[in-house]
């Protein structure tokens, strides 16, 4: 397993999406979705090969696809959350800075 930063979209204490920016061949993300009346966690590989590029992918995904992830979550309480795009942008900017700082700690 790799090392690196991770970012989680957590709504009401429930993980909606988690991006593990671990670098080449081990970077991946998880999404919690409902499929045929059961809960299922999908694990998908990140195609980017560096931790830095994976962080940028995570930020892009959260800014552009958070609604898609929310709409497919098994819990109605999570699905009905409305996200403020300006606050999401601010939060992901802060997260980007923290994630980049962490890269130096695991590589150094």
Protein backbone atom coordinates (compact mmCIF):
# COMPACT_ATOMS: atom_id res chain seq x y z
CA UNK A 1 0.00 0.00 0.00
CA UNK A 2 1.18 3.51 -0.69
CA UNK A 3 1.66 6.54 1.46
CA UNK A 4 0.31 9.97 0.89
CA UNK A 5 -2.43 12.43 1.67
CA UNK A 6 -6.13 11.67 1.52
CA UNK A 7 -9.19 13.88 1.29
CA UNK A 8 -12.69 12.82 2.33
CA UNK A 9 -16.08 14.29 1.51
CA UNK A 10 -17.96 13.61 4.75
CA UNK A 11 -21.61 14.57 5.11
CA UNK A 12 -23.43 14.14 8.44
CA UNK A 13 -20.69 11.75 9.59
CA UNK A 14 -20.92 9.58 6.48
CA UNK A 15 -18.12 9.12 3.98
CA UNK A 16 -19.38 10.01 0.52
CA UNK A 17 -16.06 9.99 -1.33
CA UNK A 18 -12.44 9.49 -0.29
CA UNK A 19 -9.41 10.17 -2.46
CA UNK A 20 -6.16 8.43 -1.48
CA UNK A 21 -3.38 10.30 -3.28
CA UNK A 22 -0.69 7.66 -2.83
CA UNK A 23 1.15 8.04 -6.12
CA UNK A 24 1.77 5.85 -9.14
CA UNK A 25 -0.08 2.53 -9.29
CA UNK A 26 -1.60 2.90 -5.80
CA UNK A 27 -3.59 6.16 -5.92
CA UNK A 28 -7.31 5.45 -5.80
CA UNK A 29 -10.65 6.70 -4.58
CA UNK A 30 -13.74 5.27 -2.94
CA UNK A 31 -17.34 6.29 -3.48
CA UNK A 32 -20.30 5.12 -1.45
CA UNK A 33 -23.25 4.39 -3.72
CA UNK A 34 -26.55 2.57 -3.68
CA UNK A 35 -26.89 -0.20 -6.20
CA UNK A 36 -29.97 -2.43 -6.36
CA UNK A 37 -31.06 -1.69 -2.78
CA UNK A 38 -27.76 -2.42 -1.13
CA UNK A 39 -24.82 -0.32 -0.10
CA UNK A 40 -21.72 -0.69 -2.16
CA UNK A 41 -18.32 0.96 -1.99
CA UNK A 42 -16.68 1.36 -5.35
CA UNK A 43 -12.89 1.63 -5.43
CA UNK A 44 -11.50 3.26 -8.55
CA UNK A 45 -7.87 3.80 -9.55
CA UNK A 46 -6.63 7.32 -10.12
CA UNK A 47 -5.00 7.47 -13.56
CA UNK A 48 -2.61 10.25 -12.57
CA UNK A 49 0.87 9.01 -11.65
CA UNK A 50 2.05 11.57 -9.10
CA UNK A 51 0.64 12.54 -5.72
CA UNK A 52 0.47 16.17 -6.85
CA UNK A 53 -1.57 15.30 -9.95
CA UNK A 54 -3.83 13.04 -7.87
CA UNK A 55 -4.48 15.92 -5.48
CA UNK A 56 -5.52 18.08 -8.42
CA UNK A 57 -7.81 15.27 -9.66
CA UNK A 58 -9.39 15.02 -6.19
CA UNK A 59 -10.00 18.77 -6.09
CA UNK A 60 -11.48 18.67 -9.59
CA UNK A 61 -13.75 15.74 -8.68
CA UNK A 62 -15.02 17.40 -5.54
CA UNK A 63 -15.67 20.74 -7.23
CA UNK A 64 -17.33 19.29 -10.31
CA UNK A 65 -18.84 15.95 -9.27
CA UNK A 66 -19.75 16.25 -5.58
CA UNK A 67 -23.42 16.53 -6.50
CA UNK A 68 -23.21 13.29 -8.51
CA UNK A 69 -21.63 11.50 -5.53
CA UNK A 70 -24.25 12.88 -3.15
CA UNK A 71 -27.12 11.87 -5.43
CA UNK A 72 -25.99 8.25 -5.37
CA UNK A 73 -25.34 7.89 -1.66
CA UNK A 74 -27.54 5.29 0.07
CA UNK A 75 -28.81 7.69 2.74
CA UNK A 76 -31.58 10.13 1.92
CA UNK A 77 -30.23 12.58 4.52
CA UNK A 78 -26.96 12.78 2.59
CA UNK A 79 -28.61 12.95 -0.84
CA UNK A 80 -30.70 15.99 0.09
CA UNK A 81 -27.74 18.15 1.18
CA UNK A 82 -27.25 21.28 -0.91
CA UNK A 83 -23.65 22.37 -1.26
CA UNK A 84 -22.63 26.01 -1.52
CA UNK A 85 -20.21 26.17 -4.47
CA UNK A 86 -18.30 29.17 -3.07
CA UNK A 87 -17.75 27.43 0.27
CA UNK A 88 -16.77 24.21 -1.50
CA UNK A 89 -14.20 26.12 -3.55
CA UNK A 90 -12.79 27.73 -0.40
CA UNK A 91 -12.64 24.39 1.43
CA UNK A 92 -10.92 22.64 -1.48
CA UNK A 93 -8.38 25.47 -1.78
CA UNK A 94 -7.53 25.00 1.90
CA UNK A 95 -7.42 21.22 1.49
CA UNK A 96 -5.08 21.50 -1.51
CA UNK A 97 -2.59 23.49 0.58
CA UNK A 98 -2.73 20.98 3.45
CA UNK A 99 -2.41 17.98 1.14
CA UNK A 100 0.64 19.46 -0.58
CA UNK A 101 2.25 20.08 2.81
CA UNK A 102 1.69 16.46 3.75
CA UNK A 103 3.40 15.20 0.58
CA UNK A 104 6.68 16.72 1.78
CA UNK A 105 6.36 14.87 5.08
CA UNK A 106 5.88 11.42 3.53
CA UNK A 107 8.53 11.88 0.86
CA UNK A 108 11.13 13.51 3.07
